[in-house]
Amino acid sequence: MKIDELKFDDRGLIPAVVQDAENKDVLMVAYMNRESLETTFRDGKACYWSRSRQELWLKGATSGHFQNVKSIKYDCDADTLLLLVEQVGAACHTGERSCFYRELT
């Protein structure tokens, strides 16, 4: 499949679920646009679109907690991505390995 065939939303974004390639833990969910996806393919490091800052966001650029991308998959509707990554350090901005460290009770 080619990037042109993916279904980006009306803002030009597509959700990306990020999973540890080794142990399959879900690390985080982010959004990508065409440019961030192309950057990720080119450099092999996860790059996202920051909806709050309205700019490209290379994961790990300030923290050193990069995500080395092993593969990128897409779902049956071509409207969600799954990135399998080698996580260097914490994935969450709180310092936790995964953003999903809290349980709803």
N, C-alpha and C. Protein backbone atom coordinates (compact mmCIF):
# COMPACT_ATOMS: atom_id res chain seq x y z
N MET A 1 0.85 -1.18 0.00
CA MET A 1 0.00 0.00 0.00
C MET A 1 0.88 1.23 0.00
N LYS A 2 0.38 2.28 -0.59
CA LYS A 2 1.10 3.55 -0.64
C LYS A 2 0.45 4.56 0.30
N ILE A 3 1.23 5.54 0.72
CA ILE A 3 0.73 6.57 1.64
C ILE A 3 -0.53 7.23 1.09
N ASP A 4 -0.59 7.44 -0.22
CA ASP A 4 -1.75 8.09 -0.85
C ASP A 4 -3.04 7.31 -0.63
N GLU A 5 -2.94 6.03 -0.34
CA GLU A 5 -4.13 5.20 -0.17
C GLU A 5 -4.64 5.18 1.27
N LEU A 6 -3.88 5.75 2.20
CA LEU A 6 -4.34 5.84 3.59
C LEU A 6 -5.45 6.86 3.70
N LYS A 7 -6.30 6.69 4.70
CA LYS A 7 -7.43 7.60 4.91
C LYS A 7 -7.12 8.54 6.06
N PHE A 8 -6.60 9.70 5.73
CA PHE A 8 -6.36 10.75 6.71
C PHE A 8 -7.68 11.47 6.97
N ASP A 9 -7.85 12.01 8.18
CA ASP A 9 -9.09 12.71 8.50
C ASP A 9 -9.13 14.08 7.83
N ASP A 10 -10.17 14.86 8.11
CA ASP A 10 -10.34 16.16 7.46
C ASP A 10 -9.28 17.18 7.85
N ARG A 11 -8.49 16.86 8.90
CA ARG A 11 -7.37 17.73 9.29
C ARG A 11 -6.05 17.21 8.73
N GLY A 12 -6.12 16.13 7.97
CA GLY A 12 -4.93 15.54 7.38
C GLY A 12 -4.17 14.64 8.34
N LEU A 13 -4.86 14.12 9.37
CA LEU A 13 -4.22 13.30 10.40
C LEU A 13 -4.73 11.87 10.38
N ILE A 14 -3.89 10.98 10.89
CA ILE A 14 -4.25 9.58 11.05
C ILE A 14 -3.72 9.13 12.41
N PRO A 15 -4.54 8.44 13.23
CA PRO A 15 -4.05 7.97 14.53
C PRO A 15 -3.01 6.87 14.35
N ALA A 16 -2.05 6.88 15.27
CA ALA A 16 -0.98 5.88 15.26
C ALA A 16 -0.88 5.26 16.65
N VAL A 17 -1.18 3.98 16.75
CA VAL A 17 -0.99 3.23 17.97
C VAL A 17 0.46 2.75 17.95
N VAL A 18 1.15 2.96 19.07
CA VAL A 18 2.57 2.61 19.12
C VAL A 18 2.77 1.45 20.09
N GLN A 19 3.38 0.40 19.58
CA GLN A 19 3.53 -0.84 20.33
C GLN A 19 5.00 -1.24 20.38
N ASP A 20 5.43 -1.75 21.53
CA ASP A 20 6.79 -2.26 21.68
C ASP A 20 6.94 -3.50 20.78
N ALA A 21 7.92 -3.48 19.90
CA ALA A 21 8.10 -4.58 18.94
C ALA A 21 8.48 -5.88 19.63
N GLU A 22 9.13 -5.79 20.78
CA GLU A 22 9.61 -6.99 21.45
C GLU A 22 8.54 -7.63 22.33
N ASN A 23 7.95 -6.86 23.25
CA ASN A 23 7.01 -7.47 24.21
C ASN A 23 5.54 -7.16 23.91
N LYS A 24 5.28 -6.37 22.89
CA LYS A 24 3.93 -6.04 22.40
C LYS A 24 3.14 -5.12 23.33
N ASP A 25 3.78 -4.53 24.33
CA ASP A 25 3.08 -3.54 25.17
C ASP A 25 2.66 -2.35 24.33
N VAL A 26 1.46 -1.84 24.56
CA VAL A 26 1.03 -0.61 23.91
C VAL A 26 1.67 0.54 24.67
N LEU A 27 2.44 1.36 23.97
CA LEU A 27 3.21 2.42 24.61
C LEU A 27 2.48 3.77 24.60
N MET A 28 1.83 4.09 23.49
CA MET A 28 1.19 5.40 23.37
C MET A 28 0.33 5.43 22.12
N VAL A 29 -0.44 6.50 22.00
CA VAL A 29 -1.21 6.80 20.80
C VAL A 29 -0.88 8.23 20.41
N ALA A 30 -0.61 8.44 19.15
CA ALA A 30 -0.29 9.78 18.66
C ALA A 30 -0.95 9.96 17.29
N TYR A 31 -0.71 11.09 16.68
CA TYR A 31 -1.24 11.36 15.35
C TYR A 31 -0.11 11.66 14.40
N MET A 32 -0.32 11.26 13.16
CA MET A 32 0.66 11.53 12.11
C MET A 32 -0.04 12.23 10.96
N ASN A 33 0.71 13.08 10.28
CA ASN A 33 0.25 13.61 9.01
C ASN A 33 1.17 13.05 7.93
N ARG A 34 0.94 13.41 6.71
CA ARG A 34 1.74 12.87 5.61
C ARG A 34 3.23 13.16 5.81
N GLU A 35 3.56 14.40 6.19
CA GLU A 35 4.96 14.78 6.36
C GLU A 35 5.63 13.99 7.48
N SER A 36 4.94 13.82 8.61
CA SER A 36 5.55 13.07 9.72
C SER A 36 5.73 11.60 9.35
N LEU A 37 4.80 11.05 8.58
CA LEU A 37 4.91 9.67 8.15
C LEU A 37 6.08 9.50 7.17
N GLU A 38 6.22 10.43 6.25
CA GLU A 38 7.35 10.39 5.31
C GLU A 38 8.68 10.55 6.05
N THR A 39 8.72 11.42 7.05
CA THR A 39 9.93 11.62 7.85
C THR A 39 10.28 10.35 8.61
N THR A 40 9.26 9.69 9.16
CA THR A 40 9.46 8.43 9.87
C THR A 40 10.05 7.37 8.95
N PHE A 41 9.50 7.24 7.75
CA PHE A 41 10.03 6.28 6.78
C PHE A 41 11.48 6.61 6.42
N ARG A 42 11.74 7.86 6.19
CA ARG A 42 13.09 8.28 5.75
C ARG A 42 14.14 8.06 6.83
N ASP A 43 13.82 8.44 8.08
CA ASP A 43 14.82 8.45 9.15
C ASP A 43 14.79 7.21 10.04
N GLY A 44 13.69 6.45 10.02
CA GLY A 44 13.60 5.26 10.86
C GLY A 44 13.30 5.54 12.32
N LYS A 45 13.03 6.80 12.65
CA LYS A 45 12.66 7.20 14.01
C LYS A 45 11.25 7.80 13.94
N ALA A 46 10.44 7.49 14.95
CA ALA A 46 9.05 7.94 14.95
C ALA A 46 8.96 9.46 15.03
N CYS A 47 8.21 10.01 14.11
CA CYS A 47 7.93 11.45 14.06
C CYS A 47 6.42 11.61 13.96
N TYR A 48 5.87 12.45 14.78
CA TYR A 48 4.42 12.64 14.85
C TYR A 48 4.05 14.08 14.57
N TRP A 49 2.75 14.35 14.52
CA TRP A 49 2.24 15.70 14.42
C TRP A 49 1.67 16.08 15.78
N SER A 50 2.20 17.14 16.37
CA SER A 50 1.70 17.62 17.66
C SER A 50 0.47 18.48 17.41
N ARG A 51 -0.67 17.99 17.86
CA ARG A 51 -1.91 18.75 17.67
C ARG A 51 -1.93 20.00 18.54
N SER A 52 -1.29 19.95 19.71
CA SER A 52 -1.29 21.11 20.61
C SER A 52 -0.33 22.20 20.13
N ARG A 53 0.83 21.80 19.61
CA ARG A 53 1.82 22.78 19.14
C ARG A 53 1.72 23.08 17.65
N GLN A 54 0.95 22.27 16.95
CA GLN A 54 0.78 22.41 15.50
C GLN A 54 2.12 22.38 14.76
N GLU A 55 2.93 21.35 15.11
CA GLU A 55 4.23 21.20 14.47
C GLU A 55 4.66 19.74 14.51
N LEU A 56 5.65 19.42 13.66
CA LEU A 56 6.22 18.08 13.70
C LEU A 56 6.89 17.84 15.04
N TRP A 57 6.82 16.60 15.51
CA TRP A 57 7.36 16.23 16.81
C TRP A 57 8.15 14.94 16.67
N LEU A 58 9.46 15.06 16.65
CA LEU A 58 10.32 13.88 16.62
C LEU A 58 10.38 13.35 18.04
N LYS A 59 9.80 12.17 18.24
CA LYS A 59 9.77 11.56 19.57
C LYS A 59 11.20 11.34 20.05
N GLY A 60 11.54 11.94 21.19
CA GLY A 60 12.87 11.79 21.76
C GLY A 60 13.81 12.95 21.48
N ALA A 61 13.39 13.91 20.69
CA ALA A 61 14.28 15.02 20.33
C ALA A 61 14.76 15.79 21.55
N THR A 62 13.89 15.97 22.54
CA THR A 62 14.30 16.69 23.75
C THR A 62 14.63 15.74 24.90
N SER A 63 13.98 14.59 24.96
CA SER A 63 14.18 13.66 26.08
C SER A 63 15.27 12.62 25.84
N GLY A 64 15.57 12.36 24.57
CA GLY A 64 16.49 11.28 24.24
C GLY A 64 15.80 9.92 24.19
N HIS A 65 14.49 9.90 24.40
CA HIS A 65 13.72 8.65 24.42
C HIS A 65 13.12 8.38 23.03
N PHE A 66 13.99 8.08 22.11
CA PHE A 66 13.59 7.86 20.72
C PHE A 66 12.83 6.55 20.54
N GLN A 67 12.10 6.49 19.44
CA GLN A 67 11.43 5.27 19.05
C GLN A 67 11.98 4.85 17.69
N ASN A 68 12.76 3.78 17.67
CA ASN A 68 13.29 3.24 16.43
C ASN A 68 12.22 2.34 15.81
N VAL A 69 11.76 2.73 14.65
CA VAL A 69 10.62 2.04 14.03
C VAL A 69 11.08 0.77 13.34
N LYS A 70 10.45 -0.34 13.71
CA LYS A 70 10.73 -1.64 13.11
C LYS A 70 9.77 -1.95 11.96
N SER A 71 8.52 -1.56 12.11
CA SER A 71 7.55 -1.74 11.03
C SER A 71 6.35 -0.83 11.25
N ILE A 72 5.65 -0.56 10.17
CA ILE A 72 4.41 0.22 10.22
C ILE A 72 3.34 -0.59 9.51
N LYS A 73 2.26 -0.85 10.22
CA LYS A 73 1.13 -1.58 9.67
C LYS A 73 -0.08 -0.65 9.65
N TYR A 74 -1.10 -1.04 8.94
CA TYR A 74 -2.33 -0.27 8.91
C TYR A 74 -3.51 -1.22 9.04
N ASP A 75 -4.63 -0.69 9.51
CA ASP A 75 -5.80 -1.54 9.75
C ASP A 75 -6.59 -1.78 8.47
N CYS A 76 -7.63 -2.59 8.58
CA CYS A 76 -8.43 -3.00 7.43
C CYS A 76 -9.12 -1.84 6.72
N ASP A 77 -9.39 -0.75 7.44
CA ASP A 77 -10.02 0.42 6.83
C ASP A 77 -9.00 1.44 6.34
N ALA A 78 -7.74 1.18 6.59
CA ALA A 78 -6.63 2.07 6.19
C ALA A 78 -6.75 3.46 6.84
N ASP A 79 -7.36 3.50 8.06
CA ASP A 79 -7.52 4.79 8.73
C ASP A 79 -6.85 4.85 10.11
N THR A 80 -6.05 3.83 10.44
CA THR A 80 -5.29 3.79 11.68
C THR A 80 -3.99 3.05 11.43
N LEU A 81 -2.91 3.58 12.00
CA LEU A 81 -1.60 2.95 11.86
C LEU A 81 -1.20 2.23 13.15
N LEU A 82 -0.35 1.24 13.01
CA LEU A 82 0.26 0.54 14.13
C LEU A 82 1.76 0.57 13.90
N LEU A 83 2.47 1.28 14.77
CA LEU A 83 3.92 1.34 14.69
C LEU A 83 4.52 0.37 15.69
N LEU A 84 5.35 -0.53 15.23
CA LEU A 84 6.10 -1.42 16.10
C LEU A 84 7.48 -0.81 16.25
N VAL A 85 7.85 -0.52 17.50
CA VAL A 85 9.07 0.25 17.74
C VAL A 85 9.98 -0.40 18.77
N GLU A 86 11.23 -0.03 18.70
CA GLU A 86 12.18 -0.29 19.79
C GLU A 86 12.20 1.02 20.59
N GLN A 87 11.65 0.98 21.78
CA GLN A 87 11.55 2.16 22.62
C GLN A 87 12.84 2.34 23.41
N VAL A 88 13.44 3.51 23.29
CA VAL A 88 14.63 3.87 24.07
C VAL A 88 14.15 4.73 25.23
N GLY A 89 14.23 4.21 26.45
CA GLY A 89 13.74 4.96 27.61
C GLY A 89 12.23 4.91 27.71
N ALA A 90 11.68 5.94 28.33
CA ALA A 90 10.23 6.02 28.57
C ALA A 90 9.49 6.54 27.33
N ALA A 91 8.30 6.01 27.10
CA ALA A 91 7.46 6.51 26.01
C ALA A 91 6.60 7.68 26.48
N CYS A 92 6.24 7.68 27.76
CA CYS A 92 5.33 8.70 28.30
C CYS A 92 6.10 9.92 28.80
N HIS A 93 5.49 11.09 28.62
CA HIS A 93 6.14 12.33 29.09
C HIS A 93 6.24 12.39 30.61
N THR A 94 5.52 11.49 31.32
CA THR A 94 5.59 11.44 32.79
C THR A 94 6.80 10.65 33.28
N GLY A 95 7.48 9.99 32.34
CA GLY A 95 8.61 9.15 32.71
C GLY A 95 8.28 7.68 32.79
N GLU A 96 7.00 7.34 32.63
CA GLU A 96 6.57 5.94 32.63
C GLU A 96 6.94 5.29 31.29
N ARG A 97 7.15 4.01 31.32
CA ARG A 97 7.50 3.28 30.10
C ARG A 97 6.38 3.38 29.07
N SER A 98 5.13 3.29 29.52
CA SER A 98 3.96 3.37 28.65
C SER A 98 3.03 4.47 29.14
N CYS A 99 2.31 5.09 28.24
CA CYS A 99 1.30 6.08 28.64
C CYS A 99 0.10 5.41 29.32
N PHE A 100 -0.01 4.10 29.18
CA PHE A 100 -1.14 3.35 29.73
C PHE A 100 -0.74 2.65 31.01
N TYR A 101 -0.40 3.43 32.02
CA TYR A 101 0.04 2.87 33.30
C TYR A 101 -1.00 3.02 34.39
N ARG A 102 -2.12 3.66 34.10
CA ARG A 102 -3.18 3.84 35.10
C ARG A 102 -4.39 2.98 34.73
N GLU A 103 -5.10 2.53 35.76
CA GLU A 103 -6.25 1.66 35.54
C GLU A 103 -7.52 2.36 35.99
N LEU A 104 -8.54 2.31 35.17
CA LEU A 104 -9.85 2.88 35.49
C LEU A 104 -10.57 1.94 36.42
N THR A 105 -11.07 2.45 37.56
CA THR A 105 -11.77 1.60 38.52
C THR A 105 -13.19 2.09 38.71
